[in-house]
Amino acid sequence: MPPAPPIPVLDRPLAPTELVAALRAFHSSYYVEHPFHQRMHDGMLSRRELQGWVANRLAYQRTIPRKDGAIISNCPVPAVRRRWVQRIIDHDGTTDADGGIEMWIRLGEGLGLSREEMDDERHVLPGVRFACDAYLTFCRTHGWVEGCASSLTELFAPGIMRRRLDALPRHYPWIPAEAYDYFKSRLIQAPRDSEHGLEIVTTYCSTIESQYRAFDALKFKIEMLWVFIDTVYNAYHLEPAPVSHG
């Protein structure tokens, strides 16, 4: 795993602009730099590897609204709860026919997975489930501001989504265009969500101790995502199946 940027040794609380810059510096260790993602963006994944990634990532997608519910349950500030609940709606949708989780299932269908095998999570690896449960537990058992800080991986999401929307249609032309709806939705949602997350952290993390907690929360989330993708990489990349995009 690429080393995380050193957490600054603080002799004073960082000003809001300094705190934002320090949080953004974690980009260098984000899990998009994992070899699995490099292979994806270079067009080197087999259909089976892509299917394995999407089937396992669904477990994480389903964790997101639950961790957001945990953050809300710990938060005593109505104004924060009213805005944060939009994240749950974005993923769960307002009906069974919309929302980010549904769009992710449709991505799996576009890759040749059945809805049944996506729904019953038969392909979800133990390490992936452990990582997702760890993230949910973190948000349940830590302060709500730390939960919000852990979500700041959204700072890095738009660039990743744009990279996928460029690389996947080019390298894997057999994937139908409508399968990419999830990535397109995050181009709008992630900047909005990260702006709110930064607003919370810069408002409520005004002491040295609270700023250290924010750094630790973001570091935890990045490491959790690295465990997730490392598990998928080790499970599928070692299979002897040949690379095939047809």
C-alpha atoms as a PDB file:
ATOM      1  CA  MET A   1       0.000   0.000   0.000  1.00  0.00           C
ATOM      2  CA  PRO A   2       1.390   3.453  -0.834  1.00  0.00           C
ATOM      3  CA  PRO A   3       2.346   5.188   2.384  1.00  0.00           C
ATOM      4  CA  ALA A   4      -0.160   7.657   3.737  1.00  0.00           C
ATOM      5  CA  PRO A   5       1.086  11.219   3.949  1.00  0.00           C
ATOM      6  CA  PRO A   6       2.576  11.839   7.356  1.00  0.00           C
ATOM      7  CA  ILE A   7       0.016  13.217   9.747  1.00  0.00           C
ATOM      8  CA  PRO A   8       1.365  16.636  10.639  1.00  0.00           C
ATOM      9  CA  VAL A   9       2.712  17.127  14.136  1.00  0.00           C
ATOM     10  CA  LEU A  10       0.627  19.995  15.379  1.00  0.00           C
ATOM     11  CA  ASP A  11       1.768  22.608  17.853  1.00  0.00           C
ATOM     12  CA  ARG A  12      -1.379  24.585  17.141  1.00  0.00           C
ATOM     13  CA  PRO A  13      -4.737  23.858  15.521  1.00  0.00           C
ATOM     14  CA  LEU A  14      -4.682  24.174  11.758  1.00  0.00           C
ATOM     15  CA  ALA A  15      -6.681  26.966  10.177  1.00  0.00           C
ATOM     16  CA  PRO A  16      -9.587  25.733   8.027  1.00  0.00           C
ATOM     17  CA  THR A  17      -7.705  26.126   4.747  1.00  0.00           C
ATOM     18  CA  GLU A  18      -4.689  24.309   6.190  1.00  0.00           C
ATOM     19  CA  LEU A  19      -6.884  21.516   7.502  1.00  0.00           C
ATOM     20  CA  VAL A  20      -8.532  21.040   4.108  1.00  0.00           C
ATOM     21  CA  ALA A  21      -5.132  20.912   2.400  1.00  0.00           C
ATOM     22  CA  ALA A  22      -3.895  18.309   4.893  1.00  0.00           C
ATOM     23  CA  LEU A  23      -6.959  16.148   4.286  1.00  0.00           C
ATOM     24  CA  ARG A  24      -6.645  16.421   0.527  1.00  0.00           C
ATOM     25  CA  ALA A  25      -3.020  15.259   0.794  1.00  0.00           C
ATOM     26  CA  PHE A  26      -4.282  11.760   1.601  1.00  0.00           C
ATOM     27  CA  HIS A  27      -5.055  11.353  -2.091  1.00  0.00           C
ATOM     28  CA  SER A  28      -1.595   9.897  -2.692  1.00  0.00           C
ATOM     29  CA  SER A  29      -2.441   6.796  -0.653  1.00  0.00           C
ATOM     30  CA  TYR A  30      -5.991   6.313  -1.918  1.00  0.00           C
ATOM     31  CA  TYR A  31      -6.931   2.830  -3.060  1.00  0.00           C
ATOM     32  CA  VAL A  32      -7.309   3.827  -6.712  1.00  0.00           C
ATOM     33  CA  GLU A  33      -3.516   3.418  -6.853  1.00  0.00           C
ATOM     34  CA  HIS A  34      -3.893  -0.310  -6.142  1.00  0.00           C
ATOM     35  CA  PRO A  35      -2.610  -2.656  -8.894  1.00  0.00           C
ATOM     36  CA  PHE A  36      -6.149  -3.948  -9.454  1.00  0.00           C
ATOM     37  CA  HIS A  37      -7.323  -0.482 -10.442  1.00  0.00           C
ATOM     38  CA  GLN A  38      -4.239   0.101 -12.552  1.00  0.00           C
ATOM     39  CA  ARG A  39      -5.033  -3.111 -14.444  1.00  0.00           C
ATOM     40  CA  MET A  40      -8.646  -2.022 -14.810  1.00  0.00           C
ATOM     41  CA  HIS A  41      -7.744   1.344 -16.278  1.00  0.00           C
ATOM     42  CA  ASP A  42      -5.172  -0.229 -18.593  1.00  0.00           C
ATOM     43  CA  GLY A  43      -7.722  -2.683 -20.005  1.00  0.00           C
ATOM     44  CA  MET A  44      -6.033  -5.755 -18.532  1.00  0.00           C
ATOM     45  CA  LEU A  45      -8.855  -7.249 -16.459  1.00  0.00           C
ATOM     46  CA  SER A  46     -10.737 -10.360 -17.511  1.00  0.00           C
ATOM     47  CA  ARG A  47     -14.509 -10.442 -17.513  1.00  0.00           C
ATOM     48  CA  ARG A  48     -14.301 -12.637 -14.414  1.00  0.00           C
ATOM     49  CA  GLU A  49     -12.143 -10.087 -12.570  1.00  0.00           C
ATOM     50  CA  LEU A  50     -14.568  -7.280 -13.398  1.00  0.00           C
ATOM     51  CA  GLN A  51     -17.497  -9.400 -12.290  1.00  0.00           C
ATOM     52  CA  GLY A  52     -15.737 -10.268  -9.040  1.00  0.00           C
ATOM     53  CA  TRP A  53     -15.031  -6.631  -8.317  1.00  0.00           C
ATOM     54  CA  VAL A  54     -18.612  -5.516  -8.959  1.00  0.00           C
ATOM     55  CA  ALA A  55     -20.176  -8.415  -7.028  1.00  0.00           C
ATOM     56  CA  ASN A  56     -17.981  -7.730  -3.997  1.00  0.00           C
ATOM     57  CA  ARG A  57     -18.291  -3.965  -4.200  1.00  0.00           C
ATOM     58  CA  LEU A  58     -22.059  -4.358  -3.846  1.00  0.00           C
ATOM     59  CA  ALA A  59     -21.478  -5.372  -0.224  1.00  0.00           C
ATOM     60  CA  TYR A  60     -19.738  -2.030   0.306  1.00  0.00           C
ATOM     61  CA  GLN A  61     -22.460  -0.129  -1.560  1.00  0.00           C
ATOM     62  CA  ARG A  62     -25.012  -1.660   0.782  1.00  0.00           C
ATOM     63  CA  THR A  63     -22.930  -0.650   3.795  1.00  0.00           C
ATOM     64  CA  ILE A  64     -22.915   3.038   2.835  1.00  0.00           C
ATOM     65  CA  PRO A  65     -26.519   3.965   3.768  1.00  0.00           C
ATOM     66  CA  ARG A  66     -26.217   1.937   6.966  1.00  0.00           C
ATOM     67  CA  LYS A  67     -23.058   3.773   8.057  1.00  0.00           C
ATOM     68  CA  ASP A  68     -24.736   7.070   7.151  1.00  0.00           C
ATOM     69  CA  GLY A  69     -27.669   6.065   9.337  1.00  0.00           C
ATOM     70  CA  ALA A  70     -25.213   5.377  12.157  1.00  0.00           C
ATOM     71  CA  ILE A  71     -23.643   8.815  11.733  1.00  0.00           C
ATOM     72  CA  ILE A  72     -27.078  10.441  11.842  1.00  0.00           C
ATOM     73  CA  SER A  73     -28.062   8.474  14.955  1.00  0.00           C
ATOM     74  CA  ASN A  74     -24.970   9.792  16.744  1.00  0.00           C
ATOM     75  CA  CYS A  75     -25.418  13.396  15.567  1.00  0.00           C
ATOM     76  CA  PRO A  76     -27.294  15.839  17.838  1.00  0.00           C
ATOM     77  CA  VAL A  77     -27.402  18.662  15.251  1.00  0.00           C
ATOM     78  CA  PRO A  78     -30.679  18.759  13.265  1.00  0.00           C
ATOM     79  CA  ALA A  79     -29.246  20.879  10.452  1.00  0.00           C
ATOM     80  CA  VAL A  80     -26.495  18.321   9.862  1.00  0.00           C
ATOM     81  CA  ARG A  81     -28.928  15.405   9.966  1.00  0.00           C
ATOM     82  CA  ARG A  82     -31.248  17.068   7.455  1.00  0.00           C
ATOM     83  CA  ARG A  83     -28.446  17.388   4.913  1.00  0.00           C
ATOM     84  CA  TRP A  84     -26.683  14.107   5.653  1.00  0.00           C
ATOM     85  CA  VAL A  85     -29.838  12.047   5.099  1.00  0.00           C
ATOM     86  CA  GLN A  86     -29.613  12.854   1.368  1.00  0.00           C
ATOM     87  CA  ARG A  87     -26.766  10.365   1.167  1.00  0.00           C
ATOM     88  CA  ILE A  88     -29.065   7.565   2.274  1.00  0.00           C
ATOM     89  CA  ILE A  89     -31.642   8.582  -0.323  1.00  0.00           C
ATOM     90  CA  ASP A  90     -28.942   8.713  -3.006  1.00  0.00           C
ATOM     91  CA  HIS A  91     -27.973   5.092  -2.359  1.00  0.00           C
ATOM     92  CA  ASP A  92     -31.287   3.519  -1.325  1.00  0.00           C
ATOM     93  CA  GLY A  93     -33.381   5.535  -3.768  1.00  0.00           C
ATOM     94  CA  THR A  94     -36.971   6.546  -3.205  1.00  0.00           C
ATOM     95  CA  THR A  95     -38.271   3.290  -4.747  1.00  0.00           C
ATOM     96  CA  ASP A  96     -36.822  -0.129  -5.520  1.00  0.00           C
ATOM     97  CA  ALA A  97     -36.223   1.049  -9.094  1.00  0.00           C
ATOM     98  CA  ASP A  98     -33.752   3.858  -8.421  1.00  0.00           C
ATOM     99  CA  GLY A  99     -30.788   4.825  -6.257  1.00  0.00           C
ATOM    100  CA  GLY A 100     -27.089   4.056  -6.289  1.00  0.00           C
ATOM    101  CA  ILE A 101     -27.404   0.461  -5.089  1.00  0.00           C
ATOM    102  CA  GLU A 102     -29.862  -0.324  -7.870  1.00  0.00           C
ATOM    103  CA  MET A 103     -27.558   1.319 -10.421  1.00  0.00           C
ATOM    104  CA  TRP A 104     -24.673  -0.794  -9.139  1.00  0.00           C
ATOM    105  CA  ILE A 105     -26.722  -3.975  -9.572  1.00  0.00           C
ATOM    106  CA  ARG A 106     -27.454  -2.905 -13.140  1.00  0.00           C
ATOM    107  CA  LEU A 107     -23.716  -2.509 -13.682  1.00  0.00           C
ATOM    108  CA  GLY A 108     -23.334  -6.121 -12.560  1.00  0.00           C
ATOM    109  CA  GLU A 109     -26.053  -7.199 -14.964  1.00  0.00           C
ATOM    110  CA  GLY A 110     -24.235  -5.370 -17.751  1.00  0.00           C
ATOM    111  CA  LEU A 111     -21.166  -7.458 -16.920  1.00  0.00           C
ATOM    112  CA  GLY A 112     -23.158 -10.692 -17.165  1.00  0.00           C
ATOM    113  CA  LEU A 113     -24.029 -11.294 -13.518  1.00  0.00           C
ATOM    114  CA  SER A 114     -27.604 -12.191 -12.687  1.00  0.00           C
ATOM    115  CA  ARG A 115     -29.625 -10.076 -10.291  1.00  0.00           C
ATOM    116  CA  GLU A 116     -30.141 -13.169  -8.151  1.00  0.00           C
ATOM    117  CA  GLU A 117     -26.428 -13.761  -7.594  1.00  0.00           C
ATOM    118  CA  MET A 118     -25.909 -10.075  -6.891  1.00  0.00           C
ATOM    119  CA  ASP A 119     -28.786  -9.993  -4.397  1.00  0.00           C
ATOM    120  CA  ASP A 120     -27.770 -13.065  -2.418  1.00  0.00           C
ATOM    121  CA  GLU A 121     -24.100 -11.966  -2.276  1.00  0.00           C
ATOM    122  CA  ARG A 122     -22.844 -15.475  -2.989  1.00  0.00           C
ATOM    123  CA  HIS A 123     -19.608 -14.081  -4.415  1.00  0.00           C
ATOM    124  CA  VAL A 124     -18.772 -11.776  -1.494  1.00  0.00           C
ATOM    125  CA  LEU A 125     -15.410 -12.740  -0.007  1.00  0.00           C
ATOM    126  CA  PRO A 126     -14.884 -13.058   3.768  1.00  0.00           C
ATOM    127  CA  GLY A 127     -12.239 -10.328   3.763  1.00  0.00           C
ATOM    128  CA  VAL A 128     -14.582  -7.952   1.955  1.00  0.00           C
ATOM    129  CA  ARG A 129     -17.390  -8.626   4.401  1.00  0.00           C
ATOM    130  CA  PHE A 130     -15.000  -8.126   7.327  1.00  0.00           C
ATOM    131  CA  ALA A 131     -13.823  -4.773   5.919  1.00  0.00           C
ATOM    132  CA  CYS A 132     -17.382  -3.544   5.346  1.00  0.00           C
ATOM    133  CA  ASP A 133     -18.445  -4.592   8.845  1.00  0.00           C
ATOM    134  CA  ALA A 134     -15.404  -2.807  10.281  1.00  0.00           C
ATOM    135  CA  TYR A 135     -16.429   0.426   8.568  1.00  0.00           C
ATOM    136  CA  LEU A 136     -19.998   0.169   9.842  1.00  0.00           C
ATOM    137  CA  THR A 137     -18.740  -0.545  13.364  1.00  0.00           C
ATOM    138  CA  PHE A 138     -16.399   2.443  13.193  1.00  0.00           C
ATOM    139  CA  CYS A 139     -19.257   4.801  12.373  1.00  0.00           C
ATOM    140  CA  ARG A 140     -21.470   3.292  15.052  1.00  0.00           C
ATOM    141  CA  THR A 141     -18.882   3.470  17.833  1.00  0.00           C
ATOM    142  CA  HIS A 142     -16.992   6.689  17.083  1.00  0.00           C
ATOM    143  CA  GLY A 143     -18.161  10.258  17.325  1.00  0.00           C
ATOM    144  CA  TRP A 144     -20.336  11.553  14.521  1.00  0.00           C
ATOM    145  CA  VAL A 145     -17.725  14.079  13.384  1.00  0.00           C
ATOM    146  CA  GLU A 146     -15.206  11.255  13.009  1.00  0.00           C
ATOM    147  CA  GLY A 147     -17.780   9.355  10.979  1.00  0.00           C
ATOM    148  CA  CYS A 148     -18.165  12.385   8.727  1.00  0.00           C
ATOM    149  CA  ALA A 149     -14.376  12.697   8.402  1.00  0.00           C
ATOM    150  CA  SER A 150     -14.102   9.053   7.348  1.00  0.00           C
ATOM    151  CA  SER A 151     -16.437   9.824   4.442  1.00  0.00           C
ATOM    152  CA  LEU A 152     -14.022  12.378   3.020  1.00  0.00           C
ATOM    153  CA  THR A 153     -12.666   9.816   0.583  1.00  0.00           C
ATOM    154  CA  GLU A 154     -15.394  11.448  -1.514  1.00  0.00           C
ATOM    155  CA  LEU A 155     -12.881  14.216  -2.113  1.00  0.00           C
ATOM    156  CA  PHE A 156     -11.113  11.865  -4.496  1.00  0.00           C
ATOM    157  CA  ALA A 157     -14.174  10.277  -6.122  1.00  0.00           C
ATOM    158  CA  PRO A 158     -14.867  12.628  -9.076  1.00  0.00           C
ATOM    159  CA  GLY A 159     -11.426  12.094 -10.575  1.00  0.00           C
ATOM    160  CA  ILE A 160     -11.793   8.328 -10.234  1.00  0.00           C
ATOM    161  CA  MET A 161     -15.248   8.356 -11.809  1.00  0.00           C
ATOM    162  CA  ARG A 162     -13.998  10.379 -14.773  1.00  0.00           C
ATOM    163  CA  ARG A 163     -11.084   7.996 -15.189  1.00  0.00           C
ATOM    164  CA  ARG A 164     -13.421   4.990 -15.205  1.00  0.00           C
ATOM    165  CA  LEU A 165     -15.824   6.622 -17.628  1.00  0.00           C
ATOM    166  CA  ASP A 166     -12.898   7.177 -19.976  1.00  0.00           C
ATOM    167  CA  ALA A 167     -11.106   3.844 -19.592  1.00  0.00           C
ATOM    168  CA  LEU A 168     -13.881   1.277 -19.286  1.00  0.00           C
ATOM    169  CA  PRO A 169     -15.800   2.036 -22.523  1.00  0.00           C
ATOM    170  CA  ARG A 170     -12.509   2.216 -24.397  1.00  0.00           C
ATOM    171  CA  HIS A 171     -11.053  -1.058 -23.106  1.00  0.00           C
ATOM    172  CA  TYR A 172     -14.212  -3.067 -22.484  1.00  0.00           C
ATOM    173  CA  PRO A 173     -16.582  -2.166 -25.348  1.00  0.00           C
ATOM    174  CA  TRP A 174     -18.833  -5.128 -24.567  1.00  0.00           C
ATOM    175  CA  ILE A 175     -20.164  -3.351 -21.443  1.00  0.00           C
ATOM    176  CA  PRO A 176     -23.452  -1.587 -22.330  1.00  0.00           C
ATOM    177  CA  ALA A 177     -23.467   2.198 -22.008  1.00  0.00           C
ATOM    178  CA  GLU A 178     -26.346   2.242 -19.511  1.00  0.00           C
ATOM    179  CA  ALA A 179     -24.228   0.234 -17.076  1.00  0.00           C
ATOM    180  CA  TYR A 180     -22.224   3.372 -16.301  1.00  0.00           C
ATOM    181  CA  ASP A 181     -25.097   5.320 -14.712  1.00  0.00           C
ATOM    182  CA  TYR A 182     -23.661   4.902 -11.205  1.00  0.00           C
ATOM    183  CA  PHE A 183     -20.345   6.497 -12.122  1.00  0.00           C
ATOM    184  CA  LYS A 184     -22.135   9.402 -13.810  1.00  0.00           C
ATOM    185  CA  SER A 185     -24.296  10.009 -10.730  1.00  0.00           C
ATOM    186  CA  ARG A 186     -21.250  10.237  -8.475  1.00  0.00           C
ATOM    187  CA  LEU A 187     -19.809  13.052 -10.595  1.00  0.00           C
ATOM    188  CA  ILE A 188     -22.606  15.198  -9.150  1.00  0.00           C
ATOM    189  CA  GLN A 189     -23.115  13.670  -5.723  1.00  0.00           C
ATOM    190  CA  ALA A 190     -19.512  13.309  -4.570  1.00  0.00           C
ATOM    191  CA  PRO A 191     -18.521  17.004  -4.890  1.00  0.00           C
ATOM    192  CA  ARG A 192     -21.697  18.017  -3.054  1.00  0.00           C
ATOM    193  CA  ASP A 193     -21.099  15.475  -0.295  1.00  0.00           C
ATOM    194  CA  SER A 194     -17.407  16.249   0.133  1.00  0.00           C
ATOM    195  CA  GLU A 195     -18.166  19.972   0.385  1.00  0.00           C
ATOM    196  CA  HIS A 196     -20.582  19.236   3.223  1.00  0.00           C
ATOM    197  CA  GLY A 197     -18.088  16.905   4.885  1.00  0.00           C
ATOM    198  CA  LEU A 198     -15.356  19.535   4.768  1.00  0.00           C
ATOM    199  CA  GLU A 199     -17.771  22.101   6.164  1.00  0.00           C
ATOM    200  CA  ILE A 200     -18.453  19.841   9.141  1.00  0.00           C
ATOM    201  CA  VAL A 201     -14.821  18.956   9.800  1.00  0.00           C
ATOM    202  CA  THR A 202     -13.559  22.531   9.542  1.00  0.00           C
ATOM    203  CA  THR A 203     -16.373  23.698  11.844  1.00  0.00           C
ATOM    204  CA  TYR A 204     -16.138  21.047  14.532  1.00  0.00           C
ATOM    205  CA  CYS A 205     -12.447  20.091  14.379  1.00  0.00           C
ATOM    206  CA  SER A 206     -10.958  23.268  15.763  1.00  0.00           C
ATOM    207  CA  THR A 207      -8.597  21.765  18.348  1.00  0.00           C
ATOM    208  CA  ILE A 208      -5.403  19.770  17.916  1.00  0.00           C
ATOM    209  CA  GLU A 209      -7.051  16.666  19.376  1.00  0.00           C
ATOM    210  CA  SER A 210     -10.118  16.835  17.146  1.00  0.00           C
ATOM    211  CA  GLN A 211      -7.987  17.410  14.050  1.00  0.00           C
ATOM    212  CA  TYR A 212      -5.894  14.345  14.852  1.00  0.00           C
ATOM    213  CA  ARG A 213      -9.125  12.350  15.147  1.00  0.00           C
ATOM    214  CA  ALA A 214     -10.210  13.561  11.707  1.00  0.00           C
ATOM    215  CA  PHE A 215      -6.886  12.483  10.186  1.00  0.00           C
ATOM    216  CA  ASP A 216      -7.115   9.084  11.872  1.00  0.00           C
ATOM    217  CA  ALA A 217     -10.689   8.593  10.635  1.00  0.00           C
ATOM    218  CA  LEU A 218      -9.776   9.315   7.019  1.00  0.00           C
ATOM    219  CA  LYS A 219      -6.693   7.086   7.295  1.00  0.00           C
ATOM    220  CA  PHE A 220      -8.863   4.270   8.655  1.00  0.00           C
ATOM    221  CA  LYS A 221     -11.288   4.580   5.732  1.00  0.00           C
ATOM    222  CA  ILE A 222      -8.512   4.520   3.149  1.00  0.00           C
ATOM    223  CA  GLU A 223      -6.974   1.450   4.765  1.00  0.00           C
ATOM    224  CA  MET A 224     -10.380  -0.247   4.861  1.00  0.00           C
ATOM    225  CA  LEU A 225     -10.840   0.342   1.129  1.00  0.00           C
ATOM    226  CA  TRP A 226      -7.331  -0.964   0.460  1.00  0.00           C
ATOM    227  CA  VAL A 227      -8.143  -4.178   2.359  1.00  0.00           C
ATOM    228  CA  PHE A 228     -11.303  -4.502   0.268  1.00  0.00           C
ATOM    229  CA  ILE A 229      -9.604  -4.183  -3.109  1.00  0.00           C
ATOM    230  CA  ASP A 230      -6.574  -6.220  -2.004  1.00  0.00           C
ATOM    231  CA  THR A 231      -8.928  -9.072  -1.117  1.00  0.00           C
ATOM    232  CA  VAL A 232     -10.600  -8.909  -4.528  1.00  0.00           C
ATOM    233  CA  TYR A 233      -7.247  -8.702  -6.321  1.00  0.00           C
ATOM    234  CA  ASN A 234      -5.804 -11.710  -4.517  1.00  0.00           C
ATOM    235  CA  ALA A 235      -8.937 -13.794  -5.070  1.00  0.00           C
ATOM    236  CA  TYR A 236      -9.423 -13.132  -8.795  1.00  0.00           C
ATOM    237  CA  HIS A 237      -6.084 -12.091 -10.252  1.00  0.00           C
ATOM    238  CA  LEU A 238      -4.512 -15.406  -9.217  1.00  0.00           C
ATOM    239  CA  GLU A 239      -7.098 -17.381 -11.164  1.00  0.00           C
ATOM    240  CA  PRO A 240      -5.667 -18.983 -14.322  1.00  0.00           C
ATOM    241  CA  ALA A 241      -8.527 -17.783 -16.551  1.00  0.00           C
ATOM    242  CA  PRO A 242      -7.221 -15.966 -19.667  1.00  0.00           C
ATOM    243  CA  VAL A 243      -7.958 -12.298 -20.256  1.00  0.00           C
ATOM    244  CA  SER A 244     -10.961 -11.916 -22.522  1.00  0.00           C
ATOM    245  CA  HIS A 245     -13.041  -8.853 -23.338  1.00  0.00           C
ATOM    246  CA  GLY A 246     -15.361 -10.534 -25.802  1.00  0.00           C
END
